């Protein structure tokens, strides 16, 4: 499947990685194949960072169980080389020295995620039997392959109530986890990840004026040396992950950009091929802009007014909306069809352009706020929902667990609203959305 979004999202793909445009490189002649309209197959959504971390840790547990030869004990003298470390006990050891201890710590981390989940969270609720099972410590004694498959495909991305961690720390966690997983095969990905860790350490060394960085300077320096990497082990990498993860935030984003930039593959000559199925990004964005300007000049038309005031649409209203675009020579049938697919329906596409009347949004949520006392965070989150509705016309429940909403409630709305209130908010958002879909 080839596709892309229309918004230019800053840092969408990581630090300094804004979405600018997109290319499709068809070296396997997919365009020729799919132009003949073969039977379609199901697709899948991109994993969130939370899900990637969960699945990487789950995979690491399995690797540490089945490949003991690849994970040696931390070589003697390593900790001494990095200054004297006060020993910790068992899973709380900040510098694990054996694969068994790393495995226990990673397992405990996953168990803690389950134990911290709110069973009344409406996202968690649909998976409650599995969540309750793995919220018990005994379930992690030796999870079966079936258990791991169930965890990876159903549970990995569920929200938890753990303290919120910075994106920088989590990205570094994922980098080191992938390095630990690649350690056995020494595949090209291992060398790339190794260079990224060394580059991060080099940038951190420049921040020696920061006390937190200075305390870990021996680790920062030793990881940049070739001898350290000659006999590197999973426990050694775990020590570095723990010591440096909270320091990455001190690196300026502009310097951090090349560290997380994907390396380019070496390819042969390319030949440009036109895709009739997809409009160019600039062309489609221009369509959206022109359609938005045109529609906002036609609030006197019944169909546009209905969308703006969240009144139910009929099929003839959708026909009127398409006529507005056609009469103003905006786009063509292919672009309109693309808009329908991207927004799930033409009504939702137009609603995303005209937005929602602020007074209507306030009235709907004003009824929700009546009869109860709400604190400042609750009211602020509702106001953010209203603002999003005014700008974009609809609010999906899932985005309430993303920034900027998590700036108010890091664990999501469940942390500040009751289950009954969450259900009411969900119902309101679905009612608003349904009015943009013709009956």
Protein backbone atom coordinates (compact mmCIF):
# COMPACT_ATOMS: atom_id res chain seq x y z
CA UNK A 1 0.00 0.00 0.00
CA UNK A 2 1.24 3.48 -0.81
CA UNK A 3 -0.10 6.42 1.14
CA UNK A 4 0.75 9.46 3.18
CA UNK A 5 -0.79 12.16 5.34
CA UNK A 6 -1.27 15.78 4.37
CA UNK A 7 -0.03 17.67 7.43
CA UNK A 8 3.56 18.83 7.79
CA UNK A 9 4.18 17.53 11.31
CA UNK A 10 7.35 18.80 13.03
CA UNK A 11 9.60 16.00 14.33
CA UNK A 12 7.07 13.38 13.27
CA UNK A 13 9.75 10.74 12.76
CA UNK A 14 12.04 11.74 15.64
CA UNK A 15 14.26 14.64 16.70
CA UNK A 16 14.74 17.00 13.77
CA UNK A 17 12.87 14.69 11.38
CA UNK A 18 9.96 16.72 10.04
CA UNK A 19 7.63 15.38 7.36
CA UNK A 20 8.39 17.33 4.18
CA UNK A 21 7.28 15.16 1.26
CA UNK A 22 7.17 11.55 0.20
CA UNK A 23 8.55 9.34 -2.55
CA UNK A 24 7.59 5.88 -3.71
CA UNK A 25 10.51 3.85 -5.10
CA UNK A 26 9.13 0.97 -7.12
CA UNK A 27 12.12 -1.28 -7.82
CA UNK A 28 10.07 -4.47 -7.60
CA UNK A 29 7.52 -3.36 -10.22
CA UNK A 30 4.67 -3.15 -7.74
CA UNK A 31 3.03 -0.40 -9.77
CA UNK A 32 2.83 -2.66 -12.78
CA UNK A 33 1.42 -5.48 -10.64
CA UNK A 34 -1.13 -3.48 -8.68
CA UNK A 35 -2.34 -1.56 -11.74
CA UNK A 36 -4.04 -4.82 -12.66
CA UNK A 37 -6.09 -4.63 -9.44
CA UNK A 38 -5.19 -7.95 -7.77
CA UNK A 39 -7.14 -9.13 -4.68
CA UNK A 40 -6.40 -6.93 -1.68
CA UNK A 41 -5.07 -8.10 1.67
CA UNK A 42 -5.33 -6.69 5.17
CA UNK A 43 -2.96 -3.98 6.38
CA UNK A 44 -1.59 -2.99 9.76
CA UNK A 45 -0.96 0.19 11.72
CA UNK A 46 2.50 1.47 12.54
CA UNK A 47 3.61 0.60 16.06
CA UNK A 48 3.79 3.36 18.64
CA UNK A 49 7.04 3.96 20.53
CA UNK A 50 5.40 2.41 23.62
CA UNK A 51 4.54 -0.74 21.66
CA UNK A 52 8.01 -0.96 20.10
CA UNK A 53 9.62 -0.79 23.55
CA UNK A 54 7.27 -3.41 24.95
CA UNK A 55 7.87 -5.83 22.07
CA UNK A 56 11.64 -5.30 22.14
CA UNK A 57 11.72 -6.11 25.86
CA UNK A 58 9.50 -9.13 25.31
CA UNK A 59 11.82 -10.37 22.57
CA UNK A 60 14.89 -9.76 24.74
CA UNK A 61 13.44 -11.97 27.49
CA UNK A 62 13.14 -14.78 24.95
CA UNK A 63 16.67 -14.23 23.63
CA UNK A 64 18.15 -14.34 27.12
CA UNK A 65 16.28 -17.61 27.76
CA UNK A 66 17.19 -19.40 24.54
CA UNK A 67 20.65 -18.09 23.65
CA UNK A 68 22.77 -18.18 26.80
CA UNK A 69 26.01 -18.36 24.82
CA UNK A 70 25.54 -14.91 23.33
CA UNK A 71 25.37 -13.16 26.69
CA UNK A 72 28.46 -13.32 28.82
CA UNK A 73 28.98 -12.06 32.33
CA UNK A 74 30.26 -8.51 32.60
CA UNK A 75 34.02 -8.79 32.23
CA UNK A 76 35.96 -8.32 35.43
CA UNK A 77 37.39 -4.90 35.96
CA UNK A 78 34.74 -3.19 33.83
CA UNK A 79 32.90 -1.62 36.75
CA UNK A 80 36.19 -0.67 38.36
CA UNK A 81 37.19 0.91 35.07
CA UNK A 82 34.09 3.10 35.36
CA UNK A 83 34.71 4.16 38.95
CA UNK A 84 33.67 2.32 42.08
CA UNK A 85 29.98 1.41 42.06
CA UNK A 86 28.03 0.73 45.22
CA UNK A 87 26.49 -2.72 44.71
CA UNK A 88 22.73 -2.99 44.71
CA UNK A 89 20.63 -6.04 45.44
CA UNK A 90 18.88 -8.33 42.95
CA UNK A 91 16.46 -6.61 40.53
CA UNK A 92 17.24 -3.17 41.94
CA UNK A 93 20.91 -3.47 40.93
CA UNK A 94 21.62 -0.37 38.84
CA UNK A 95 24.56 -2.13 37.16
CA UNK A 96 23.43 -5.71 36.37
CA UNK A 97 26.40 -8.02 35.86
CA UNK A 98 24.73 -11.15 34.50
CA UNK A 99 22.25 -12.09 31.82
CA UNK A 100 19.99 -13.65 34.46
CA UNK A 101 19.74 -10.37 36.35
CA UNK A 102 19.05 -8.42 33.14
CA UNK A 103 16.32 -10.91 32.28
CA UNK A 104 14.72 -10.56 35.73
CA UNK A 105 14.84 -6.77 35.53
CA UNK A 106 13.31 -6.65 32.04
CA UNK A 107 10.62 -9.14 33.06
CA UNK A 108 9.81 -7.14 36.15
CA UNK A 109 9.54 -3.99 34.03
CA UNK A 110 6.91 -5.63 31.81
CA UNK A 111 5.05 -7.03 34.81
CA UNK A 112 5.03 -3.56 36.40
CA UNK A 113 3.44 -2.13 33.26
CA UNK A 114 0.55 -4.56 33.58
CA UNK A 115 0.19 -4.08 37.31
CA UNK A 116 -0.07 -0.31 36.78
CA UNK A 117 -2.82 -0.49 34.13
CA UNK A 118 -6.21 0.93 35.03
CA UNK A 119 -8.70 -1.87 34.39
CA UNK A 120 -11.49 0.70 34.04
CA UNK A 121 -9.71 2.54 31.23
CA UNK A 122 -12.02 2.13 28.24
CA UNK A 123 -9.07 1.15 26.02
CA UNK A 124 -7.78 -1.44 28.52
CA UNK A 125 -11.27 -2.69 29.33
CA UNK A 126 -11.65 -4.57 26.03
CA UNK A 127 -8.51 -6.61 26.84
CA UNK A 128 -9.22 -6.98 30.55
CA UNK A 129 -8.99 -10.81 30.80
CA UNK A 130 -5.47 -10.82 29.34
CA UNK A 131 -4.39 -7.76 31.33
CA UNK A 132 -5.62 -9.27 34.60
CA UNK A 133 -3.79 -12.51 33.82
CA UNK A 134 -0.43 -10.80 33.30
CA UNK A 135 -0.93 -8.36 36.16
CA UNK A 136 -0.07 -11.37 38.36
CA UNK A 137 3.62 -12.07 38.91
CA UNK A 138 3.28 -15.85 38.47
CA UNK A 139 2.17 -15.38 34.85
CA UNK A 140 5.68 -14.13 34.05
CA UNK A 141 7.50 -17.18 35.44
CA UNK A 142 7.77 -18.72 31.97
CA UNK A 143 5.35 -17.24 29.41
CA UNK A 144 4.60 -19.57 26.51
CA UNK A 145 4.99 -18.68 22.83
CA UNK A 146 1.20 -18.27 22.66
CA UNK A 147 1.34 -15.85 25.60
CA UNK A 148 4.09 -13.83 23.93
CA UNK A 149 2.20 -13.67 20.65
CA UNK A 150 -0.92 -12.48 22.48
CA UNK A 151 1.07 -9.87 24.38
CA UNK A 152 2.83 -8.56 21.27
CA UNK A 153 -0.26 -8.23 19.09
CA UNK A 154 -2.96 -7.19 21.56
CA UNK A 155 -1.43 -5.61 24.64
CA UNK A 156 1.84 -3.89 23.68
CA UNK A 157 0.41 -0.43 23.03
CA UNK A 158 -2.07 -0.17 25.92
CA UNK A 159 -1.75 2.89 28.22
CA UNK A 160 -0.34 2.48 31.73
CA UNK A 161 -0.23 4.61 34.85
CA UNK A 162 3.54 4.53 35.24
CA UNK A 163 5.32 7.84 35.69
CA UNK A 164 5.65 9.54 32.33
CA UNK A 165 9.14 9.35 30.82
CA UNK A 166 10.69 11.68 28.28
CA UNK A 167 10.61 10.73 24.59
CA UNK A 168 14.39 11.18 24.47
CA UNK A 169 14.94 8.57 27.20
CA UNK A 170 12.54 6.12 25.58
CA UNK A 171 14.16 6.50 22.15
CA UNK A 172 17.55 5.78 23.72
CA UNK A 173 16.03 2.74 25.48
CA UNK A 174 14.81 1.42 22.13
CA UNK A 175 18.18 2.05 20.50
CA UNK A 176 20.02 0.03 23.16
CA UNK A 177 17.37 -2.70 23.26
CA UNK A 178 17.73 -3.20 19.51
CA UNK A 179 21.50 -3.23 19.96
CA UNK A 180 21.18 -5.95 22.62
CA UNK A 181 18.96 -8.00 20.31
CA UNK A 182 21.37 -7.59 17.37
CA UNK A 183 24.42 -8.49 19.46
CA UNK A 184 24.29 -12.21 18.64
CA UNK A 185 24.43 -11.91 14.86
CA UNK A 186 26.62 -8.80 14.47
CA UNK A 187 24.36 -7.88 11.56
CA UNK A 188 24.69 -4.48 9.80
CA UNK A 189 22.00 -3.09 12.09
CA UNK A 190 24.32 -3.78 15.04
CA UNK A 191 27.10 -1.64 13.57
CA UNK A 192 24.68 1.19 12.83
CA UNK A 193 23.26 1.14 16.37
CA UNK A 194 26.74 0.96 17.84
CA UNK A 195 27.76 4.10 15.93
CA UNK A 196 24.64 5.87 17.18
CA UNK A 197 25.44 5.07 20.82
CA UNK A 198 29.04 6.23 20.37
CA UNK A 199 27.82 9.45 18.71
CA UNK A 200 25.46 10.14 21.61
CA UNK A 201 28.27 9.58 24.09
CA UNK A 202 30.48 11.99 22.15
CA UNK A 203 27.84 14.73 22.30
CA UNK A 204 27.29 14.10 26.00
CA UNK A 205 31.00 14.50 26.66
CA UNK A 206 30.67 18.07 25.41
CA UNK A 207 28.16 18.71 28.24
CA UNK A 208 30.65 18.20 31.07
CA UNK A 209 29.54 21.45 32.73
CA UNK A 210 26.23 19.76 33.66
CA UNK A 211 26.61 18.00 37.00
CA UNK A 212 24.42 15.01 36.07
CA UNK A 213 26.52 14.42 32.97
CA UNK A 214 29.77 14.88 34.86
CA UNK A 215 28.79 12.13 37.33
CA UNK A 216 28.54 9.63 34.46
CA UNK A 217 31.60 10.86 32.56
CA UNK A 218 33.61 7.66 33.06
CA UNK A 219 30.83 5.66 31.36
CA UNK A 220 30.47 8.28 28.62
CA UNK A 221 34.17 8.11 27.82
CA UNK A 222 34.70 4.35 28.00
CA UNK A 223 31.82 3.59 25.62
CA UNK A 224 33.62 5.63 22.94
CA UNK A 225 36.67 3.34 23.00
CA UNK A 226 37.14 0.38 20.63
CA UNK A 227 38.40 -2.05 23.32
CA UNK A 228 35.13 -1.68 25.25
CA UNK A 229 33.15 -2.90 22.24
CA UNK A 230 35.40 -5.90 21.51
CA UNK A 231 33.84 -8.08 24.22
CA UNK A 232 30.65 -6.12 24.82
CA UNK A 233 27.81 -8.05 26.48
CA UNK A 234 24.10 -7.52 27.03
CA UNK A 235 24.64 -6.66 30.73
CA UNK A 236 27.30 -4.09 29.78
CA UNK A 237 24.89 -2.45 27.35
CA UNK A 238 22.21 -2.46 30.03
CA UNK A 239 24.55 -0.56 32.35
CA UNK A 240 25.13 2.08 29.66
CA UNK A 241 21.39 2.34 28.94
CA UNK A 242 20.60 2.98 32.59
CA UNK A 243 23.47 5.43 33.08
CA UNK A 244 22.90 7.56 29.98
CA UNK A 245 19.15 7.42 29.20
CA UNK A 246 18.24 10.44 31.33
CA UNK A 247 21.13 12.51 29.95
CA UNK A 248 20.16 12.47 26.26
CA UNK A 249 17.73 15.32 26.90
CA UNK A 250 20.70 17.66 27.42
CA UNK A 251 21.86 17.29 23.79
CA UNK A 252 20.58 20.08 21.53
CA UNK A 253 17.99 18.85 19.05
CA UNK A 254 19.94 20.14 16.05
CA UNK A 255 22.96 18.05 17.07
CA UNK A 256 20.75 15.10 17.96
CA UNK A 257 19.19 14.99 14.47
CA UNK A 258 21.92 13.04 12.62
CA UNK A 259 22.06 10.43 15.40
CA UNK A 260 18.52 9.22 14.78
CA UNK A 261 18.54 9.77 11.01
CA UNK A 262 18.08 6.53 9.09
CA UNK A 263 21.01 5.45 6.94
CA UNK A 264 20.36 5.37 3.20
CA UNK A 265 20.59 2.12 1.25
CA UNK A 266 22.82 1.99 -1.82
CA UNK A 267 20.54 1.70 -4.84
CA UNK A 268 20.94 1.61 -8.59
CA UNK A 269 19.56 4.05 -11.11
CA UNK A 270 15.95 5.13 -10.68
CA UNK A 271 13.25 5.78 -13.25
CA UNK A 272 10.41 8.11 -12.37
CA UNK A 273 6.94 6.54 -12.68
CA UNK A 274 3.65 8.39 -12.43
CA UNK A 275 0.99 6.99 -10.08
CA UNK A 276 -2.45 7.81 -11.34
CA UNK A 277 -3.98 6.52 -8.10
CA UNK A 278 -2.33 9.19 -5.92
CA UNK A 279 -2.29 12.95 -6.16
CA UNK A 280 0.99 14.72 -5.46
CA UNK A 281 1.33 16.02 -1.94
CA UNK A 282 1.42 19.66 -2.93
CA UNK A 283 -1.53 19.15 -5.29
CA UNK A 284 -3.67 17.49 -2.65
CA UNK A 285 -2.76 20.07 0.00
CA UNK A 286 -3.72 22.78 -2.48
CA UNK A 287 -7.06 21.00 -2.94
CA UNK A 288 -7.66 21.04 0.81
CA UNK A 289 -6.73 24.71 1.04
CA UNK A 290 -8.94 25.73 -1.88
CA UNK A 291 -11.84 23.58 -0.67
CA UNK A 292 -11.58 25.04 2.82
CA UNK A 293 -11.63 28.63 1.53
CA UNK A 294 -14.58 27.91 -0.75
CA UNK A 295 -16.67 26.08 1.83
CA UNK A 296 -16.16 28.74 4.48
CA UNK A 297 -17.69 31.23 2.08
CA UNK A 298 -20.86 29.13 1.82
CA UNK A 299 -22.18 28.89 5.36
CA UNK A 300 -25.51 30.05 3.92
CA UNK A 301 -25.85 26.69 2.17
CA UNK A 302 -27.82 24.25 4.30
CA UNK A 303 -25.36 21.35 3.99
CA UNK A 304 -22.37 23.45 5.11
CA UNK A 305 -24.35 24.97 7.96
CA UNK A 306 -25.38 21.50 9.15
CA UNK A 307 -21.78 20.33 9.25
CA UNK A 308 -20.66 23.44 11.11
CA UNK A 309 -23.43 23.17 13.71
CA UNK A 310 -23.29 19.36 14.11
CA UNK A 311 -26.69 18.63 12.60
CA UNK A 312 -27.26 15.23 10.95
CA UNK A 313 -26.58 15.06 7.21
CA UNK A 314 -28.68 13.39 4.52
CA UNK A 315 -27.33 12.00 1.25
CA UNK A 316 -28.56 15.03 -0.70
CA UNK A 317 -26.45 17.22 1.61
CA UNK A 318 -23.31 15.35 0.55
CA UNK A 319 -24.32 15.81 -3.08
CA UNK A 320 -24.66 19.56 -2.45
CA UNK A 321 -21.19 19.66 -0.89
CA UNK A 322 -19.64 17.91 -3.89
CA UNK A 323 -21.47 20.35 -6.17
CA UNK A 324 -19.84 23.29 -4.37
CA UNK A 325 -16.40 21.86 -5.14
CA UNK A 326 -17.31 21.04 -8.73
CA UNK A 327 -18.90 24.45 -9.38
CA UNK A 328 -15.76 26.15 -8.11
CA UNK A 329 -13.55 23.81 -10.18
CA UNK A 330 -11.74 22.54 -7.09
CA UNK A 331 -9.91 19.28 -7.66
CA UNK A 332 -11.32 16.46 -9.75
CA UNK A 333 -13.22 13.21 -9.06
CA UNK A 334 -9.98 11.35 -8.26
CA UNK A 335 -8.99 13.92 -5.62
CA UNK A 336 -12.47 13.87 -4.10
CA UNK A 337 -12.34 10.08 -3.91
CA UNK A 338 -8.92 10.28 -2.25
CA UNK A 339 -10.36 12.71 0.31
CA UNK A 340 -13.17 10.28 1.09
CA UNK A 341 -10.71 7.46 1.68
CA UNK A 342 -8.34 9.47 3.88
CA UNK A 343 -11.10 10.78 6.15
CA UNK A 344 -13.31 7.65 5.98
CA UNK A 345 -16.17 9.62 4.41
CA UNK A 346 -16.70 12.75 2.36
CA UNK A 347 -18.76 14.32 5.17
CA UNK A 348 -15.90 13.88 7.64
CA UNK A 349 -13.48 15.33 5.10
CA UNK A 350 -15.58 18.48 4.71
CA UNK A 351 -16.13 18.69 8.49
CA UNK A 352 -12.34 18.65 8.93
CA UNK A 353 -12.18 21.72 6.66
CA UNK A 354 -15.00 23.83 8.08
CA UNK A 355 -14.55 22.78 11.71
CA UNK A 356 -17.28 23.02 14.33
CA UNK A 357 -19.07 26.09 15.63
CA UNK A 358 -17.49 27.02 18.98
CA UNK A 359 -20.85 27.82 20.54
CA UNK A 360 -22.17 24.39 19.57
CA UNK A 361 -19.11 22.66 21.05
CA UNK A 362 -19.40 24.72 24.24
CA UNK A 363 -23.09 23.92 24.54
CA UNK A 364 -22.55 20.17 24.13
CA UNK A 365 -19.76 20.02 26.69
CA UNK A 366 -21.45 22.62 28.88
CA UNK A 367 -24.19 20.07 29.50
CA UNK A 368 -21.49 17.56 30.45
CA UNK A 369 -19.91 19.99 32.94
CA UNK A 370 -23.19 20.88 34.61
CA UNK A 371 -24.13 19.23 37.86
CA UNK A 372 -20.60 18.41 39.04
CA UNK A 373 -17.59 20.29 40.31
CA UNK A 374 -14.46 19.93 38.20
CA UNK A 375 -10.87 20.88 38.98
CA UNK A 376 -8.61 23.07 36.84
CA UNK A 377 -7.00 20.16 34.94
CA UNK A 378 -10.35 18.64 34.05
CA UNK A 379 -11.70 21.94 32.75
CA UNK A 380 -8.49 22.66 30.82
CA UNK A 381 -8.63 19.28 29.07
CA UNK A 382 -12.29 19.82 28.09
CA UNK A 383 -11.38 23.27 26.72
CA UNK A 384 -8.61 21.67 24.66
CA UNK A 385 -11.12 19.17 23.25
CA UNK A 386 -13.44 22.06 22.34
CA UNK A 387 -10.61 23.95 20.61
CA UNK A 388 -9.68 20.84 18.63
CA UNK A 389 -13.28 20.40 17.55
CA UNK A 390 -13.45 24.03 16.41
CA UNK A 391 -10.28 23.62 14.32
CA UNK A 392 -10.69 20.07 13.01
CA UNK A 393 -14.37 19.20 13.37
CA UNK A 394 -13.87 15.83 15.07
CA UNK A 395 -11.78 14.39 17.91
CA UNK A 396 -10.79 10.73 17.93
CA UNK A 397 -10.68 9.17 21.39
CA UNK A 398 -7.15 7.85 20.82
CA UNK A 399 -5.61 11.32 20.47
CA UNK A 400 -6.63 12.11 24.05
CA UNK A 401 -3.65 9.91 24.98
CA UNK A 402 -1.26 11.99 22.88
CA UNK A 403 0.29 15.44 23.15
CA UNK A 404 -0.93 18.13 23.77
CA UNK A 405 -3.67 16.42 25.82
CA UNK A 406 -1.11 14.43 27.82
CA UNK A 407 0.54 17.71 28.79
CA UNK A 408 -2.47 18.19 31.08
CA UNK A 409 -2.87 14.54 32.12
CA UNK A 410 0.23 12.43 31.27
CA UNK A 411 -1.60 9.12 31.89
CA UNK A 412 -4.55 10.16 29.75
CA UNK A 413 -8.06 11.33 30.68
CA UNK A 414 -8.61 8.24 32.86
CA UNK A 415 -6.27 9.73 35.45
CA UNK A 416 -8.50 12.78 36.06
CA UNK A 417 -12.00 11.60 35.08
CA UNK A 418 -14.09 8.74 36.41
CA UNK A 419 -15.05 5.79 34.18
CA UNK A 420 -18.60 7.14 33.94
CA UNK A 421 -17.32 10.57 32.87
CA UNK A 422 -14.98 9.00 30.30
CA UNK A 423 -17.89 7.07 28.83
CA UNK A 424 -19.88 10.30 28.55
CA UNK A 425 -17.00 12.12 26.82
CA UNK A 426 -16.62 9.21 24.39
CA UNK A 427 -20.35 9.27 23.68
CA UNK A 428 -20.32 13.02 23.00
CA UNK A 429 -17.37 12.75 20.60
CA UNK A 430 -19.01 9.87 18.74
CA UNK A 431 -22.30 11.77 18.46
CA UNK A 432 -20.47 14.78 16.98
CA UNK A 433 -18.65 12.53 14.53
CA UNK A 434 -21.80 10.67 13.48
CA UNK A 435 -23.54 13.89 12.40
CA UNK A 436 -20.94 14.29 9.63
CA UNK A 437 -21.78 10.87 8.18
CA UNK A 438 -24.92 10.75 6.07
CA UNK A 439 -27.66 8.46 7.34
